[in-house]
All heavy atoms as atom14 arrays in JSON, in Angstrom:
{
  "sequence": "EIIHLIQQKIVTGRKLDIEENSVLLGGDTNHILIDRDRVMESALEEIA",
  "atom14_mask": [
    [1, 1, 1, 1, 1, 1, 1, 1, 1, 0, 0, 0, 0, 0],
    [1, 1, 1, 1, 1, 1, 1, 1, 0, 0, 0, 0, 0, 0],
    [1, 1, 1, 1, 1, 1, 1, 1, 0, 0, 0, 0, 0, 0],
    [1, 1, 1, 1, 1, 1, 1, 1, 1, 1, 0, 0, 0, 0],
    [1, 1, 1, 1, 1, 1, 1, 1, 0, 0, 0, 0, 0, 0],
    [1, 1, 1, 1, 1, 1, 1, 1, 0, 0, 0, 0, 0, 0],
    [1, 1, 1, 1, 1, 1, 1, 1, 1, 0, 0, 0, 0, 0],
    [1, 1, 1, 1, 1, 1, 1, 1, 1, 0, 0, 0, 0, 0],
    [1, 1, 1, 1, 1, 1, 1, 1, 1, 0, 0, 0, 0, 0],
    [1, 1, 1, 1, 1, 1, 1, 1, 0, 0, 0, 0, 0, 0],
    [1, 1, 1, 1, 1, 1, 1, 0, 0, 0, 0, 0, 0, 0],
    [1, 1, 1, 1, 1, 1, 1, 0, 0, 0, 0, 0, 0, 0],
    [1, 1, 1, 1, 0, 0, 0, 0, 0, 0, 0, 0, 0, 0],
    [1, 1, 1, 1, 1, 1, 1, 1, 1, 1, 1, 0, 0, 0],
    [1, 1, 1, 1, 1, 1, 1, 1, 1, 0, 0, 0, 0, 0],
    [1, 1, 1, 1, 1, 1, 1, 1, 0, 0, 0, 0, 0, 0],
    [1, 1, 1, 1, 1, 1, 1, 1, 0, 0, 0, 0, 0, 0],
    [1, 1, 1, 1, 1, 1, 1, 1, 0, 0, 0, 0, 0, 0],
    [1, 1, 1, 1, 1, 1, 1, 1, 1, 0, 0, 0, 0, 0],
    [1, 1, 1, 1, 1, 1, 1, 1, 1, 0, 0, 0, 0, 0],
    [1, 1, 1, 1, 1, 1, 1, 1, 0, 0, 0, 0, 0, 0],
    [1, 1, 1, 1, 1, 1, 0, 0, 0, 0, 0, 0, 0, 0],
    [1, 1, 1, 1, 1, 1, 1, 0, 0, 0, 0, 0, 0, 0],
    [1, 1, 1, 1, 1, 1, 1, 1, 0, 0, 0, 0, 0, 0],
    [1, 1, 1, 1, 1, 1, 1, 1, 0, 0, 0, 0, 0, 0],
    [1, 1, 1, 1, 0, 0, 0, 0, 0, 0, 0, 0, 0, 0],
    [1, 1, 1, 1, 0, 0, 0, 0, 0, 0, 0, 0, 0, 0],
    [1, 1, 1, 1, 1, 1, 1, 1, 0, 0, 0, 0, 0, 0],
    [1, 1, 1, 1, 1, 1, 1, 0, 0, 0, 0, 0, 0, 0],
    [1, 1, 1, 1, 1, 1, 1, 1, 0, 0, 0, 0, 0, 0],
    [1, 1, 1, 1, 1, 1, 1, 1, 1, 1, 0, 0, 0, 0],
    [1, 1, 1, 1, 1, 1, 1, 1, 0, 0, 0, 0, 0, 0],
    [1, 1, 1, 1, 1, 1, 1, 1, 0, 0, 0, 0, 0, 0],
    [1, 1, 1, 1, 1, 1, 1, 1, 0, 0, 0, 0, 0, 0],
    [1, 1, 1, 1, 1, 1, 1, 1, 0, 0, 0, 0, 0, 0],
    [1, 1, 1, 1, 1, 1, 1, 1, 1, 1, 1, 0, 0, 0],
    [1, 1, 1, 1, 1, 1, 1, 1, 0, 0, 0, 0, 0, 0],
    [1, 1, 1, 1, 1, 1, 1, 1, 1, 1, 1, 0, 0, 0],
    [1, 1, 1, 1, 1, 1, 1, 0, 0, 0, 0, 0, 0, 0],
    [1, 1, 1, 1, 1, 1, 1, 1, 0, 0, 0, 0, 0, 0],
    [1, 1, 1, 1, 1, 1, 1, 1, 1, 0, 0, 0, 0, 0],
    [1, 1, 1, 1, 1, 1, 0, 0, 0, 0, 0, 0, 0, 0],
    [1, 1, 1, 1, 1, 0, 0, 0, 0, 0, 0, 0, 0, 0],
    [1, 1, 1, 1, 1, 1, 1, 1, 0, 0, 0, 0, 0, 0],
    [1, 1, 1, 1, 1, 1, 1, 1, 1, 0, 0, 0, 0, 0],
    [1, 1, 1, 1, 1, 1, 1, 1, 1, 0, 0, 0, 0, 0],
    [1, 1, 1, 1, 1, 1, 1, 1, 0, 0, 0, 0, 0, 0],
    [1, 1, 1, 1, 1, 0, 0, 0, 0, 0, 0, 0, 0, 0]
  ],
  "atom14_positions": [
    [[-25.36, 3.94, -17.89], [-26.36, 3.81, -16.83], [-26.19, 2.48, -16.09], [-26.34, 2.42, -14.87], [-27.77, 3.9, -17.41], [-28.16, 5.28, -17.9], [-29.57, 5.32, -18.47], [-30.48, 4.74, -17.82], [-29.75, 5.91, -19.53], [0.0, 0.0, 0.0], [0.0, 0.0, 0.0], [0.0, 0.0, 0.0], [0.0, 0.0, 0.0], [0.0, 0.0, 0.0]],
    [[-25.89, 1.43, -16.84], [-25.68, 0.12, -16.23], [-24.48, 0.15, -15.29], [-24.54, -0.35, -14.16], [-25.52, -0.98, -17.31], [-26.84, -1.15, -18.08], [-25.08, -2.3, -16.68], [-26.73, -2.03, -19.31], [0.0, 0.0, 0.0], [0.0, 0.0, 0.0], [0.0, 0.0, 0.0], [0.0, 0.0, 0.0], [0.0, 0.0, 0.0], [0.0, 0.0, 0.0]],
    [[-23.38, 0.76, -15.73], [-22.18, 0.85, -14.89], [-22.46, 1.65, -13.63], [-22.06, 1.25, -12.53], [-21.0, 1.44, -15.69], [-20.53, 0.42, -16.72], [-19.86, 1.85, -14.76], [-19.49, 0.93, -17.69], [0.0, 0.0, 0.0], [0.0, 0.0, 0.0], [0.0, 0.0, 0.0], [0.0, 0.0, 0.0], [0.0, 0.0, 0.0], [0.0, 0.0, 0.0]],
    [[-23.17, 2.77, -13.75], [-23.51, 3.58, -12.57], [-24.37, 2.77, -11.59], [-24.17, 2.85, -10.38], [-24.21, 4.87, -12.97], [-23.28, 5.91, -13.48], [-22.42, 6.62, -12.66], [-23.05, 6.37, -14.73], [-21.71, 7.46, -13.38], [-22.07, 7.32, -14.65], [0.0, 0.0, 0.0], [0.0, 0.0, 0.0], [0.0, 0.0, 0.0], [0.0, 0.0, 0.0]],
    [[-25.29, 2.0, -12.11], [-26.14, 1.17, -11.26], [-25.3, 0.12, -10.52], [-25.46, -0.08, -9.31], [-27.22, 0.48, -12.11], [-28.19, -0.41, -11.37], [-29.07, 0.42, -10.45], [-29.05, -1.19, -12.34], [0.0, 0.0, 0.0], [0.0, 0.0, 0.0], [0.0, 0.0, 0.0], [0.0, 0.0, 0.0], [0.0, 0.0, 0.0], [0.0, 0.0, 0.0]],
    [[-24.39, -0.51, -11.22], [-23.54, -1.53, -10.61], [-22.58, -0.9, -9.6], [-22.33, -1.47, -8.53], [-22.79, -2.33, -11.69], [-23.79, -3.16, -12.49], [-21.71, -3.21, -11.08], [-23.22, -3.83, -13.71], [0.0, 0.0, 0.0], [0.0, 0.0, 0.0], [0.0, 0.0, 0.0], [0.0, 0.0, 0.0], [0.0, 0.0, 0.0], [0.0, 0.0, 0.0]],
    [[-22.04, 0.29, -9.92], [-21.15, 0.98, -8.98], [-21.84, 1.23, -7.65], [-21.23, 1.12, -6.6], [-20.68, 2.31, -9.56], [-19.6, 2.19, -10.59], [-19.24, 3.53, -11.19], [-19.96, 4.52, -11.08], [-18.09, 3.58, -11.85], [0.0, 0.0, 0.0], [0.0, 0.0, 0.0], [0.0, 0.0, 0.0], [0.0, 0.0, 0.0], [0.0, 0.0, 0.0]],
    [[-23.12, 1.57, -7.69], [-23.87, 1.82, -6.47], [-23.94, 0.58, -5.59], [-24.02, 0.68, -4.37], [-25.29, 2.31, -6.79], [-25.32, 3.68, -7.43], [-26.72, 4.04, -7.92], [-27.67, 3.29, -7.75], [-26.83, 5.2, -8.54], [0.0, 0.0, 0.0], [0.0, 0.0, 0.0], [0.0, 0.0, 0.0], [0.0, 0.0, 0.0], [0.0, 0.0, 0.0]],
    [[-23.91, -0.58, -6.21], [-23.98, -1.84, -5.46], [-22.6, -2.31, -4.98], [-22.49, -2.96, -3.96], [-24.58, -2.95, -6.33], [-25.96, -2.64, -6.86], [-26.98, -2.71, -5.76], [-28.37, -2.48, -6.35], [-29.36, -2.29, -5.34], [0.0, 0.0, 0.0], [0.0, 0.0, 0.0], [0.0, 0.0, 0.0], [0.0, 0.0, 0.0], [0.0, 0.0, 0.0]],
    [[-21.56, -1.98, -5.74], [-20.23, -2.5, -5.44], [-19.39, -1.54, -4.6], [-18.81, -1.93, -3.59], [-19.47, -2.85, -6.74], [-20.19, -3.98, -7.47], [-18.03, -3.21, -6.46], [-19.6, -4.32, -8.82], [0.0, 0.0, 0.0], [0.0, 0.0, 0.0], [0.0, 0.0, 0.0], [0.0, 0.0, 0.0], [0.0, 0.0, 0.0], [0.0, 0.0, 0.0]],
    [[-19.3, -0.28, -5.01], [-18.42, 0.67, -4.35], [-19.06, 1.16, -3.05], [-20.22, 1.54, -3.03], [-18.11, 1.87, -5.28], [-17.21, 2.89, -4.57], [-17.44, 1.4, -6.56], [0.0, 0.0, 0.0], [0.0, 0.0, 0.0], [0.0, 0.0, 0.0], [0.0, 0.0, 0.0], [0.0, 0.0, 0.0], [0.0, 0.0, 0.0], [0.0, 0.0, 0.0]],
    [[-18.27, 1.12, -1.98], [-18.75, 1.6, -0.69], [-17.92, 2.81, -0.27], [-16.93, 3.15, -0.9], [-18.66, 0.49, 0.39], [-17.29, 0.14, 0.57], [-19.45, -0.73, 0.0], [0.0, 0.0, 0.0], [0.0, 0.0, 0.0], [0.0, 0.0, 0.0], [0.0, 0.0, 0.0], [0.0, 0.0, 0.0], [0.0, 0.0, 0.0], [0.0, 0.0, 0.0]],
    [[-18.3, 3.43, 0.83], [-17.58, 4.61, 1.31], [-18.04, 5.84, 0.56], [-19.19, 5.96, 0.14], [0.0, 0.0, 0.0], [0.0, 0.0, 0.0], [0.0, 0.0, 0.0], [0.0, 0.0, 0.0], [0.0, 0.0, 0.0], [0.0, 0.0, 0.0], [0.0, 0.0, 0.0], [0.0, 0.0, 0.0], [0.0, 0.0, 0.0], [0.0, 0.0, 0.0]],
    [[-17.12, 6.76, 0.34], [-17.44, 8.02, -0.34], [-17.93, 7.76, -1.75], [-17.46, 6.83, -2.41], [-16.2, 8.9, -0.4], [-16.5, 10.26, -1.03], [-15.29, 11.05, -1.43], [-14.45, 11.35, -0.29], [-13.24, 11.87, -0.42], [-12.75, 12.13, -1.61], [-12.51, 12.13, 0.62], [0.0, 0.0, 0.0], [0.0, 0.0, 0.0], [0.0, 0.0, 0.0]],
    [[-18.85, 8.58, -2.22], [-19.34, 8.45, -3.58], [-18.2, 8.71, -4.56], [-17.31, 9.52, -4.31], [-20.47, 9.44, -3.85], [-21.74, 9.14, -3.12], [-22.83, 10.11, -3.52], [-24.14, 9.76, -2.85], [-25.22, 10.66, -3.26], [0.0, 0.0, 0.0], [0.0, 0.0, 0.0], [0.0, 0.0, 0.0], [0.0, 0.0, 0.0], [0.0, 0.0, 0.0]],
    [[-18.23, 8.02, -5.71], [-17.2, 8.22, -6.73], [-17.31, 9.6, -7.36], [-16.31, 10.25, -7.62], [-17.33, 7.16, -7.83], [-16.83, 5.77, -7.47], [-17.14, 4.81, -8.62], [-15.36, 5.77, -7.16], [0.0, 0.0, 0.0], [0.0, 0.0, 0.0], [0.0, 0.0, 0.0], [0.0, 0.0, 0.0], [0.0, 0.0, 0.0], [0.0, 0.0, 0.0]],
    [[-18.52, 10.04, -7.64], [-18.73, 11.33, -8.3], [-19.21, 12.35, -7.28], [-20.31, 12.25, -6.76], [-19.77, 11.19, -9.42], [-19.29, 10.28, -10.53], [-18.1, 10.39, -10.9], [-20.08, 9.47, -11.02], [0.0, 0.0, 0.0], [0.0, 0.0, 0.0], [0.0, 0.0, 0.0], [0.0, 0.0, 0.0], [0.0, 0.0, 0.0], [0.0, 0.0, 0.0]],
    [[-18.35, 13.33, -7.0], [-18.69, 14.42, -6.1], [-19.28, 15.54, -6.94], [-18.68, 15.98, -7.92], [-17.45, 14.93, -5.34], [-16.75, 13.79, -4.6], [-17.81, 16.05, -4.39], [-17.53, 13.17, -3.49], [0.0, 0.0, 0.0], [0.0, 0.0, 0.0], [0.0, 0.0, 0.0], [0.0, 0.0, 0.0], [0.0, 0.0, 0.0], [0.0, 0.0, 0.0]],
    [[-20.46, 16.0, -6.57], [-21.09, 17.07, -7.32], [-20.35, 18.38, -7.07], [-19.79, 18.61, -6.0], [-22.56, 17.19, -6.94], [-23.34, 15.94, -7.32], [-24.77, 15.97, -6.82], [-25.22, 17.03, -6.36], [-25.41, 14.92, -6.91], [0.0, 0.0, 0.0], [0.0, 0.0, 0.0], [0.0, 0.0, 0.0], [0.0, 0.0, 0.0], [0.0, 0.0, 0.0]],
    [[-20.38, 19.28, -8.06], [-19.58, 20.49, -8.06], [-19.73, 21.33, -6.79], [-18.75, 21.76, -6.21], [-19.94, 21.34, -9.28], [-19.01, 22.53, -9.46], [-19.29, 23.25, -10.76], [-19.54, 22.58, -11.77], [-19.25, 24.48, -10.74], [0.0, 0.0, 0.0], [0.0, 0.0, 0.0], [0.0, 0.0, 0.0], [0.0, 0.0, 0.0], [0.0, 0.0, 0.0]],
    [[-20.94, 21.59, -6.34], [-21.16, 22.46, -5.19], [-21.34, 21.69, -3.89], [-21.75, 22.25, -2.9], [-22.38, 23.36, -5.44], [-22.14, 24.32, -6.58], [-21.03, 24.83, -6.75], [-23.15, 24.55, -7.39], [0.0, 0.0, 0.0], [0.0, 0.0, 0.0], [0.0, 0.0, 0.0], [0.0, 0.0, 0.0], [0.0, 0.0, 0.0], [0.0, 0.0, 0.0]],
    [[-21.04, 20.42, -3.91], [-21.24, 19.59, -2.73], [-20.14, 19.84, -1.71], [-18.97, 19.93, -2.04], [-21.23, 18.11, -3.14], [-21.31, 17.31, -1.99], [0.0, 0.0, 0.0], [0.0, 0.0, 0.0], [0.0, 0.0, 0.0], [0.0, 0.0, 0.0], [0.0, 0.0, 0.0], [0.0, 0.0, 0.0], [0.0, 0.0, 0.0], [0.0, 0.0, 0.0]],
    [[-20.55, 19.96, -0.47], [-19.57, 20.07, 0.61], [-19.48, 18.76, 1.38], [-18.77, 18.65, 2.35], [-19.94, 21.22, 1.59], [-19.78, 22.56, 0.92], [-21.32, 21.04, 2.16], [0.0, 0.0, 0.0], [0.0, 0.0, 0.0], [0.0, 0.0, 0.0], [0.0, 0.0, 0.0], [0.0, 0.0, 0.0], [0.0, 0.0, 0.0], [0.0, 0.0, 0.0]],
    [[-20.22, 17.76, 0.92], [-20.24, 16.46, 1.58], [-19.11, 15.59, 1.04], [-19.16, 15.1, -0.07], [-21.58, 15.76, 1.35], [-22.8, 16.5, 1.89], [-24.07, 15.79, 1.46], [-22.74, 16.64, 3.39], [0.0, 0.0, 0.0], [0.0, 0.0, 0.0], [0.0, 0.0, 0.0], [0.0, 0.0, 0.0], [0.0, 0.0, 0.0], [0.0, 0.0, 0.0]],
    [[-18.08, 15.45, 1.83], [-16.99, 14.55, 1.47], [-16.95, 13.38, 2.43], [-15.91, 12.8, 2.65], [-15.65, 15.3, 1.49], [-15.48, 16.41, 0.47], [-14.13, 17.08, 0.63], [-15.63, 15.88, -0.94], [0.0, 0.0, 0.0], [0.0, 0.0, 0.0], [0.0, 0.0, 0.0], [0.0, 0.0, 0.0], [0.0, 0.0, 0.0], [0.0, 0.0, 0.0]],
    [[-18.09, 13.07, 3.0], [-18.15, 11.99, 3.97], [-18.0, 10.64, 3.32], [-18.12, 10.48, 2.12], [0.0, 0.0, 0.0], [0.0, 0.0, 0.0], [0.0, 0.0, 0.0], [0.0, 0.0, 0.0], [0.0, 0.0, 0.0], [0.0, 0.0, 0.0], [0.0, 0.0, 0.0], [0.0, 0.0, 0.0], [0.0, 0.0, 0.0], [0.0, 0.0, 0.0]],
    [[-17.73, 9.67, 4.16], [-17.58, 8.3, 3.69], [-16.13, 7.86, 3.73], [-15.21, 8.66, 3.6], [0.0, 0.0, 0.0], [0.0, 0.0, 0.0], [0.0, 0.0, 0.0], [0.0, 0.0, 0.0], [0.0, 0.0, 0.0], [0.0, 0.0, 0.0], [0.0, 0.0, 0.0], [0.0, 0.0, 0.0], [0.0, 0.0, 0.0], [0.0, 0.0, 0.0]],
    [[-15.96, 6.59, 3.93], [-14.62, 6.01, 3.99], [-13.93, 6.05, 2.62], [-14.6, 5.99, 1.59], [-14.69, 4.55, 4.45], [-15.14, 4.41, 5.88], [-14.95, 5.37, 6.66], [-15.7, 3.35, 6.22], [0.0, 0.0, 0.0], [0.0, 0.0, 0.0], [0.0, 0.0, 0.0], [0.0, 0.0, 0.0], [0.0, 0.0, 0.0], [0.0, 0.0, 0.0]],
    [[-12.61, 6.12, 2.66], [-11.82, 6.03, 1.44], [-10.57, 5.19, 1.71], [-10.14, 5.06, 2.85], [-11.35, 7.41, 0.92], [-10.54, 8.04, 1.92], [-12.51, 8.31, 0.57], [0.0, 0.0, 0.0], [0.0, 0.0, 0.0], [0.0, 0.0, 0.0], [0.0, 0.0, 0.0], [0.0, 0.0, 0.0], [0.0, 0.0, 0.0], [0.0, 0.0, 0.0]],
    [[-10.03, 4.61, 0.66], [-8.71, 3.99, 0.7], [-7.75, 5.06, 0.19], [-7.7, 5.34, -1.0], [-8.66, 2.77, -0.21], [-9.29, 1.56, 0.42], [-9.09, 1.27, 1.58], [-10.07, 0.83, -0.37], [0.0, 0.0, 0.0], [0.0, 0.0, 0.0], [0.0, 0.0, 0.0], [0.0, 0.0, 0.0], [0.0, 0.0, 0.0], [0.0, 0.0, 0.0]],
    [[-7.01, 5.69, 1.11], [-6.1, 6.77, 0.74], [-4.75, 6.18, 0.31], [-4.17, 5.38, 1.05], [-5.9, 7.71, 1.93], [-5.08, 8.9, 1.62], [-3.74, 8.97, 1.83], [-5.43, 10.09, 1.06], [-3.29, 10.14, 1.44], [-4.3, 10.84, 0.98], [0.0, 0.0, 0.0], [0.0, 0.0, 0.0], [0.0, 0.0, 0.0], [0.0, 0.0, 0.0]],
    [[-4.3, 6.55, -0.87], [-3.0, 6.09, -1.34], [-2.15, 7.29, -1.74], [-2.66, 8.3, -2.22], [-3.09, 5.08, -2.51], [-3.74, 5.7, -3.75], [-3.84, 3.82, -2.07], [-3.7, 4.8, -4.98], [0.0, 0.0, 0.0], [0.0, 0.0, 0.0], [0.0, 0.0, 0.0], [0.0, 0.0, 0.0], [0.0, 0.0, 0.0], [0.0, 0.0, 0.0]],
    [[-0.84, 7.18, -1.52], [0.12, 8.2, -1.92], [0.93, 7.66, -3.09], [1.51, 6.58, -3.0], [1.07, 8.53, -0.76], [0.48, 9.37, 0.36], [1.41, 9.41, 1.55], [0.19, 10.78, -0.13], [0.0, 0.0, 0.0], [0.0, 0.0, 0.0], [0.0, 0.0, 0.0], [0.0, 0.0, 0.0], [0.0, 0.0, 0.0], [0.0, 0.0, 0.0]],
    [[0.96, 8.43, -4.17], [1.61, 7.98, -5.39], [2.76, 8.91, -5.74], [2.62, 10.12, -5.73], [0.6, 7.91, -6.56], [-0.53, 6.94, -6.24], [1.29, 7.56, -7.87], [-0.11, 5.51, -6.05], [0.0, 0.0, 0.0], [0.0, 0.0, 0.0], [0.0, 0.0, 0.0], [0.0, 0.0, 0.0], [0.0, 0.0, 0.0], [0.0, 0.0, 0.0]],
    [[3.89, 8.32, -6.08], [5.08, 9.06, -6.53], [5.02, 9.17, -8.05], [5.04, 8.14, -8.74], [6.33, 8.3, -6.08], [7.62, 9.0, -6.41], [7.61, 9.98, -7.19], [8.66, 8.57, -5.88], [0.0, 0.0, 0.0], [0.0, 0.0, 0.0], [0.0, 0.0, 0.0], [0.0, 0.0, 0.0], [0.0, 0.0, 0.0], [0.0, 0.0, 0.0]],
    [[4.94, 10.38, -8.57], [4.86, 10.57, -10.03], [6.09, 10.02, -10.75], [6.01, 9.64, -11.91], [4.71, 12.05, -10.37], [3.32, 12.58, -10.12], [3.22, 14.0, -10.67], [1.94, 14.59, -10.35], [0.84, 14.42, -11.07], [0.88, 13.66, -12.15], [-0.28, 15.0, -10.72], [0.0, 0.0, 0.0], [0.0, 0.0, 0.0], [0.0, 0.0, 0.0]],
    [[7.23, 9.99, -10.07], [8.46, 9.47, -10.68], [8.52, 7.95, -10.64], [9.35, 7.35, -11.31], [9.69, 10.06, -9.99], [9.78, 11.57, -10.16], [9.36, 12.08, -11.22], [10.27, 12.24, -9.21], [0.0, 0.0, 0.0], [0.0, 0.0, 0.0], [0.0, 0.0, 0.0], [0.0, 0.0, 0.0], [0.0, 0.0, 0.0], [0.0, 0.0, 0.0]],
    [[7.67, 7.34, -9.83], [7.6, 5.88, -9.7], [6.15, 5.45, -9.65], [5.73, 4.76, -8.71], [8.29, 5.43, -8.4], [9.73, 5.79, -8.24], [10.3, 5.35, -6.88], [9.92, 4.0, -6.48], [9.09, 3.72, -5.45], [8.56, 4.66, -4.73], [8.82, 2.46, -5.14], [0.0, 0.0, 0.0], [0.0, 0.0, 0.0], [0.0, 0.0, 0.0]],
    [[5.37, 5.84, -10.63], [3.93, 5.57, -10.6], [3.65, 4.08, -10.44], [2.89, 3.68, -9.56], [3.23, 6.12, -11.87], [1.78, 5.68, -11.92], [3.32, 7.63, -11.91], [0.0, 0.0, 0.0], [0.0, 0.0, 0.0], [0.0, 0.0, 0.0], [0.0, 0.0, 0.0], [0.0, 0.0, 0.0], [0.0, 0.0, 0.0], [0.0, 0.0, 0.0]],
    [[4.25, 3.26, -11.27], [3.98, 1.83, -11.23], [4.4, 1.22, -9.9], [3.62, 0.48, -9.27], [4.69, 1.12, -12.38], [4.48, -0.39, -12.38], [2.76, -0.84, -12.54], [2.4, -0.13, -14.11], [0.0, 0.0, 0.0], [0.0, 0.0, 0.0], [0.0, 0.0, 0.0], [0.0, 0.0, 0.0], [0.0, 0.0, 0.0], [0.0, 0.0, 0.0]],
    [[5.6, 1.51, -9.46], [6.1, 0.91, -8.23], [5.27, 1.34, -7.03], [4.89, 0.51, -6.2], [7.58, 1.28, -8.01], [8.52, 0.67, -9.01], [8.63, 1.48, -10.31], [7.97, 2.54, -10.44], [9.36, 1.04, -11.21], [0.0, 0.0, 0.0], [0.0, 0.0, 0.0], [0.0, 0.0, 0.0], [0.0, 0.0, 0.0], [0.0, 0.0, 0.0]],
    [[4.98, 2.63, -6.93], [4.2, 3.09, -5.77], [2.76, 2.58, -5.84], [2.16, 2.26, -4.82], [4.25, 4.61, -5.62], [3.79, 5.29, -6.75], [0.0, 0.0, 0.0], [0.0, 0.0, 0.0], [0.0, 0.0, 0.0], [0.0, 0.0, 0.0], [0.0, 0.0, 0.0], [0.0, 0.0, 0.0], [0.0, 0.0, 0.0], [0.0, 0.0, 0.0]],
    [[2.2, 2.47, -7.04], [0.84, 1.93, -7.19], [0.79, 0.48, -6.74], [-0.14, 0.08, -6.02], [0.37, 2.06, -8.64], [0.0, 0.0, 0.0], [0.0, 0.0, 0.0], [0.0, 0.0, 0.0], [0.0, 0.0, 0.0], [0.0, 0.0, 0.0], [0.0, 0.0, 0.0], [0.0, 0.0, 0.0], [0.0, 0.0, 0.0], [0.0, 0.0, 0.0]],
    [[1.76, -0.33, -7.15], [1.79, -1.73, -6.75], [1.89, -1.87, -5.24], [1.21, -2.69, -4.63], [2.93, -2.47, -7.44], [2.77, -2.7, -8.95], [4.07, -3.24, -9.55], [1.61, -3.63, -9.24], [0.0, 0.0, 0.0], [0.0, 0.0, 0.0], [0.0, 0.0, 0.0], [0.0, 0.0, 0.0], [0.0, 0.0, 0.0], [0.0, 0.0, 0.0]],
    [[2.73, -1.05, -4.61], [2.89, -1.09, -3.16], [1.6, -0.68, -2.45], [1.15, -1.36, -1.52], [4.03, -0.16, -2.71], [5.4, -0.6, -3.16], [6.45, 0.49, -2.99], [6.14, 1.58, -2.43], [7.6, 0.27, -3.43], [0.0, 0.0, 0.0], [0.0, 0.0, 0.0], [0.0, 0.0, 0.0], [0.0, 0.0, 0.0], [0.0, 0.0, 0.0]],
    [[1.02, 0.41, -2.87], [-0.16, 0.96, -2.2], [-1.4, 0.07, -2.4], [-2.13, -0.19, -1.45], [-0.45, 2.38, -2.69], [0.62, 3.39, -2.32], [0.57, 3.82, -0.87], [-0.53, 3.87, -0.29], [1.64, 4.1, -0.31], [0.0, 0.0, 0.0], [0.0, 0.0, 0.0], [0.0, 0.0, 0.0], [0.0, 0.0, 0.0], [0.0, 0.0, 0.0]],
    [[-1.64, -0.37, -3.62], [-2.83, -1.19, -3.9], [-2.72, -2.55, -3.21], [-3.71, -3.08, -2.7], [-3.06, -1.35, -5.42], [-3.3, 0.02, -6.08], [-4.21, -2.31, -5.71], [-4.54, 0.76, -5.64], [0.0, 0.0, 0.0], [0.0, 0.0, 0.0], [0.0, 0.0, 0.0], [0.0, 0.0, 0.0], [0.0, 0.0, 0.0], [0.0, 0.0, 0.0]],
    [[-1.53, -3.12, -3.19], [-1.34, -4.42, -2.53], [-1.66, -4.35, -1.04], [-2.08, -5.35, -0.44], [0.09, -4.91, -2.74], [0.0, 0.0, 0.0], [0.0, 0.0, 0.0], [0.0, 0.0, 0.0], [0.0, 0.0, 0.0], [0.0, 0.0, 0.0], [0.0, 0.0, 0.0], [0.0, 0.0, 0.0], [0.0, 0.0, 0.0], [0.0, 0.0, 0.0]]
  ]
}
């Protein structure tokens, strides 16, 4: 419960938890593309 409360204050844009029947996918996101064969390398590039 504490983590969920803090997430509401810190995370912006789209909600982290999308409810099952929700059609609301609104909100900003940081979109990243990850290569499964190079997970670490692509993650470092995208997150940076």
